[in-house]
Protein backbone atom coordinates (compact mmCIF):
# COMPACT_ATOMS: atom_id res chain seq x y z
CA MET A 1 0.00 0.00 0.00
CA TYR A 2 1.35 3.49 -0.97
CA ASN A 3 1.41 6.22 1.64
CA THR A 4 1.71 9.92 0.84
CA ASP A 5 5.20 11.25 1.32
CA ILE A 6 5.76 13.61 4.22
CA PRO A 7 6.71 17.05 2.81
CA ASN A 8 10.12 18.44 3.55
CA ARG A 9 10.56 21.51 5.75
CA GLU A 10 11.47 23.54 2.65
CA GLU A 11 8.07 22.71 1.06
CA LEU A 12 6.04 23.98 4.04
CA PRO A 13 4.83 27.65 3.95
CA SER A 14 6.91 30.06 5.96
CA THR A 15 5.66 31.98 8.99
CA ALA A 16 5.62 35.22 6.96
CA LYS A 17 3.35 33.64 4.34
CA LEU A 18 0.97 32.36 7.01
CA VAL A 19 0.78 35.79 8.66
CA ARG A 20 0.22 37.50 5.28
CA SER A 21 -2.57 35.03 4.39
CA THR A 22 -4.22 35.57 7.76
CA ILE A 23 -4.15 39.38 7.35
CA ILE A 24 -5.60 39.16 3.81
CA ALA A 25 -8.42 36.85 5.02
CA ALA A 26 -9.22 39.26 7.88
CA ILE A 27 -9.39 42.23 5.48
CA VAL A 28 -11.70 40.34 3.09
CA ALA A 29 -13.95 39.32 6.01
CA LEU A 30 -14.11 42.94 7.22
CA VAL A 31 -15.02 44.22 3.74
CA LEU A 32 -17.80 41.62 3.43
CA LEU A 33 -19.08 42.53 6.89
CA VAL A 34 -19.33 46.26 6.06
CA THR A 35 -20.63 45.99 2.48
CA VAL A 36 -22.87 42.89 2.67
CA VAL A 37 -23.71 41.61 6.16
CA MET A 38 -24.43 44.92 7.91
CA PRO A 39 -26.74 46.34 5.17
CA ALA A 40 -28.61 43.04 4.64
CA GLU A 41 -29.09 42.15 8.32
CA TYR A 42 -29.18 45.49 10.19
CA ALA A 43 -29.90 48.15 7.46
CA LEU A 44 -26.55 49.78 8.29
CA ASP A 45 -24.77 51.00 5.15
CA PRO A 46 -21.74 53.20 6.00
CA THR A 47 -20.16 52.77 2.55
CA GLY A 48 -23.29 53.04 0.37
CA ALA A 49 -22.47 49.74 -1.37
CA GLY A 50 -25.42 47.99 0.26
CA ARG A 51 -27.87 50.50 -1.29
CA LEU A 52 -26.33 49.94 -4.74
CA LEU A 53 -26.60 46.15 -4.32
CA GLY A 54 -30.19 46.33 -3.02
CA LEU A 55 -29.19 44.84 0.36
CA THR A 56 -30.05 47.85 2.55
CA GLU A 57 -33.74 47.67 1.65
CA MET A 58 -33.68 43.99 2.65
CA GLY A 59 -32.24 44.96 6.03
CA GLU A 60 -34.88 47.71 6.47
CA ILE A 61 -37.66 45.20 5.85
CA LYS A 62 -36.14 42.82 8.43
CA GLU A 63 -36.00 45.68 10.96
CA GLN A 64 -39.68 46.49 10.23
CA LEU A 65 -40.66 42.86 10.77
CA ALA A 66 -38.78 42.80 14.09
CA GLU A 67 -40.53 46.01 15.22
CA GLU A 68 -43.93 44.59 14.26
CA ALA A 69 -43.29 41.38 16.20
CA ALA A 70 -42.27 43.37 19.30
CA ALA A 71 -45.34 45.59 18.97
CA ASP A 72 -47.62 42.53 18.67
CA GLU A 73 -46.15 41.06 21.86
CA ALA A 74 -46.58 44.36 23.73
CA ALA A 75 -50.20 44.65 22.55
CA GLN A 76 -50.96 41.14 23.83
CA MET A 77 -49.48 41.99 27.25
CA VAL A 78 -51.63 45.14 27.46
CA ALA A 79 -54.76 43.17 26.52
CA VAL A 80 -54.10 40.59 29.27
CA GLN A 81 -53.45 43.30 31.86
CA SER A 82 -56.62 45.20 30.96
CA SER A 83 -58.76 42.04 31.28
CA VAL A 84 -57.43 41.49 34.85
CA ASP A 85 -57.92 45.08 36.03
CA GLN A 86 -61.68 45.45 35.80
CA LYS A 87 -63.09 48.86 36.70
CA THR A 88 -66.03 49.24 39.13
CA PRO A 89 -69.10 50.46 37.21
CA GLU A 90 -70.08 54.02 38.03
CA VAL A 91 -73.48 54.52 39.68
CA LYS A 92 -75.22 57.70 38.58
CA GLU A 93 -77.62 59.52 40.88
CA PRO A 94 -81.21 59.71 39.64
CA VAL A 95 -82.09 62.99 38.02
CA VAL A 96 -85.41 64.58 39.05
CA ASP A 97 -87.09 66.61 36.33
CA GLU A 98 -88.16 70.03 37.54
CA ALA A 99 -91.57 71.30 36.60
CA VAL A 100 -91.44 73.81 33.80
CA GLU A 101 -94.18 76.33 33.25
CA GLU A 102 -95.69 76.10 29.81
CA PRO A 103 -95.60 79.42 27.91
CA SER A 104 -98.89 81.01 27.01
CA PRO A 105 -99.98 80.31 23.47
CA SER A 106 -99.03 82.97 20.96
CA PRO A 107 -101.08 83.87 17.93
CA GLU A 108 -100.35 81.69 14.94
CA VAL A 109 -98.23 83.32 12.26
CA GLU A 110 -98.02 81.77 8.83
CA VAL A 111 -94.46 81.50 7.60
CA ALA A 112 -93.74 80.69 3.99
CA PRO A 113 -91.32 77.74 3.68
CA ALA A 114 -87.84 78.79 2.60
CA GLU A 115 -86.46 77.31 -0.57
CA PRO A 116 -83.69 74.79 0.13
CA ALA A 117 -80.24 76.04 -0.75
CA PRO A 118 -78.58 74.07 -3.53
CA GLU A 119 -76.01 71.58 -2.31
CA PRO A 120 -72.44 72.48 -3.32
CA GLU A 121 -70.91 70.19 -5.87
CA ILE A 122 -67.95 68.19 -4.54
CA ALA A 123 -65.31 67.43 -7.13
CA GLU A 124 -64.22 63.80 -7.00
CA PRO A 125 -60.44 63.27 -7.03
CA GLN A 126 -59.00 61.96 -10.26
CA TRP A 127 -56.75 58.97 -9.60
CA GLN A 128 -53.89 58.14 -11.96
CA ASP A 129 -53.31 54.58 -10.70
CA GLU A 130 -55.34 51.94 -8.86
CA VAL A 131 -54.09 48.53 -7.71
CA ARG A 132 -55.79 45.62 -5.96
CA VAL A 133 -53.84 42.85 -4.25
CA VAL A 134 -54.92 39.93 -2.04
CA LEU A 135 -52.75 39.30 1.03
CA THR A 136 -52.83 35.98 2.87
CA PRO A 137 -52.41 35.86 6.70
CA GLY A 138 -48.92 37.16 7.59
CA GLU A 139 -48.13 38.25 4.01
CA GLY A 140 -46.68 41.71 3.28
CA THR A 141 -46.30 43.90 0.20
CA GLU A 142 -44.72 47.24 -0.70
CA PHE A 143 -45.63 49.96 -3.24
CA LYS A 144 -43.37 52.89 -4.16
CA LEU A 145 -43.84 56.17 -6.07
CA THR A 146 -40.87 57.73 -7.88
CA MET A 147 -40.93 61.40 -6.78
CA GLU A 148 -38.82 64.54 -6.92
CA LYS A 149 -38.05 66.50 -3.75
CA GLY A 150 -41.05 68.61 -2.68
CA ALA A 151 -43.49 66.83 -5.03
CA THR A 152 -46.97 66.03 -3.63
CA ALA A 153 -48.92 62.83 -4.31
CA ARG A 154 -52.51 62.15 -3.23
CA PHE A 155 -53.42 58.66 -2.00
CA SER A 156 -56.31 56.60 -0.68
CA TRP A 157 -56.18 52.98 0.43
CA VAL A 158 -58.63 50.58 2.06
CA SER A 159 -58.22 47.07 3.46
CA GLU A 160 -61.28 44.92 2.63
CA GLY A 161 -61.75 41.95 4.97
CA GLY A 162 -59.97 43.34 8.06
CA PRO A 163 -57.57 46.07 9.26
CA ILE A 164 -53.91 46.13 8.24
CA ASN A 165 -50.49 47.30 9.49
CA PHE A 166 -48.65 49.89 7.41
CA ASP A 167 -45.44 51.93 7.30
CA THR A 168 -45.22 55.01 5.05
CA HIS A 169 -41.54 55.63 4.24
CA GLY A 170 -39.06 56.73 1.58
CA ASP A 171 -35.51 56.09 0.41
CA GLY A 172 -33.10 57.29 -2.27
CA GLY A 173 -29.69 58.87 -2.75
CA GLY A 174 -28.38 57.26 0.45
CA GLN A 175 -31.24 58.78 2.50
CA SER A 176 -34.23 57.14 4.20
CA ILE A 177 -37.24 58.42 6.16
CA SER A 178 -40.32 57.02 7.94
CA TYR A 179 -43.34 59.31 7.59
CA GLU A 180 -46.01 57.37 9.52
CA LYS A 181 -46.75 53.91 10.96
CA GLY A 182 -50.05 52.32 11.93
CA ARG A 183 -51.37 49.03 13.35
CA GLY A 184 -54.83 47.63 12.76
CA VAL A 185 -55.94 50.45 10.42
CA PRO A 186 -58.84 49.73 8.00
CA GLU A 187 -58.25 52.67 5.62
CA ASP A 188 -56.37 55.95 5.15
CA GLU A 189 -56.12 58.86 2.71
CA GLY A 190 -54.19 62.11 2.40
CA GLU A 191 -51.14 63.63 0.73
CA LEU A 192 -47.53 62.43 0.64
CA VAL A 193 -44.87 65.16 0.23
CA ALA A 194 -41.45 63.83 -0.81
CA ALA A 195 -38.70 64.91 1.62
CA PHE A 196 -36.06 64.17 -1.03
CA THR A 197 -35.78 62.77 -4.55
CA GLY A 198 -36.25 59.00 -4.53
CA ASN A 199 -38.85 56.29 -3.89
CA HIS A 200 -41.70 57.01 -1.47
CA GLY A 201 -44.62 54.76 -0.56
CA TRP A 202 -46.09 52.14 1.76
CA PHE A 203 -45.29 48.75 3.27
CA PHE A 204 -48.41 46.75 4.22
CA ARG A 205 -48.75 43.51 6.24
CA ASN A 206 -51.85 41.39 6.89
CA ARG A 207 -51.95 40.32 10.55
CA ASN A 208 -55.49 38.85 10.31
CA ASP A 209 -56.34 35.14 10.30
CA ASN A 210 -58.01 35.50 6.90
CA ASN A 211 -57.20 36.89 3.46
CA ILE A 212 -57.74 40.61 2.87
CA THR A 213 -57.95 42.67 -0.32
CA LEU A 214 -55.87 45.87 -0.37
CA VAL A 215 -57.05 48.64 -2.74
CA LEU A 216 -54.58 51.51 -3.30
CA ARG A 217 -55.33 54.61 -5.41
CA THR A 218 -52.79 57.36 -6.16
CA GLY A 219 -52.66 60.63 -8.07
CA GLY A 220 -50.63 63.80 -8.24
CA ASP A 221 -47.03 64.68 -9.01
CA TYR A 222 -45.02 61.46 -9.35
CA GLY A 223 -43.33 59.41 -12.05
CA GLU A 224 -44.69 55.89 -11.67
CA LEU A 225 -46.27 53.54 -9.15
CA ARG A 226 -44.51 50.18 -8.85
CA ARG A 227 -44.74 47.16 -6.58
CA ALA A 228 -41.38 46.76 -4.83
CA LEU A 229 -42.24 43.63 -2.82
């Protein structure tokens, strides 16, 4: 049977080569940590490479999911505490009606009925885009508007089948912002003013035990409406 020959001392790598290889491996690991791991896992992007690679948005979604899970747990604790602490019902004192003197009858005066004022016409908003999407229990989706800084977009959305969690936010050019968050909201409407040039919109998640249908309508000053997730 043939055994592999033991290498000579001259064939083994020197200490300097081992140290150099270790330093190179450490540098590569550090670069991957800063450009890939931190943006994808924690939405931290000090170099901006994660935004270019689309990893920072992945990290932001993970952070949103973690915040929602913590908020759900806190809401359950509050519900349990409120069921234990029952308030004593208030007892109201009986109210005695005082006798009121009836006024003396006055002579009848015929008054001609006034013509009803015409109702003002309300202009219905003109929507540029409308989307409908069905979300299963636990499923999330995201819609973004491409907007210039200072541009204003009108929006209206409704969740058919149950309330929904949402996060109105924006990102672009290395910047990010959260405009508003809500839990268990059935519908909302208003205006979205872009804080900077980039993508601005909504992240929705269905926390019901049944499917819901999300209807989103938008109009105003924006480039396009696209589904990002």
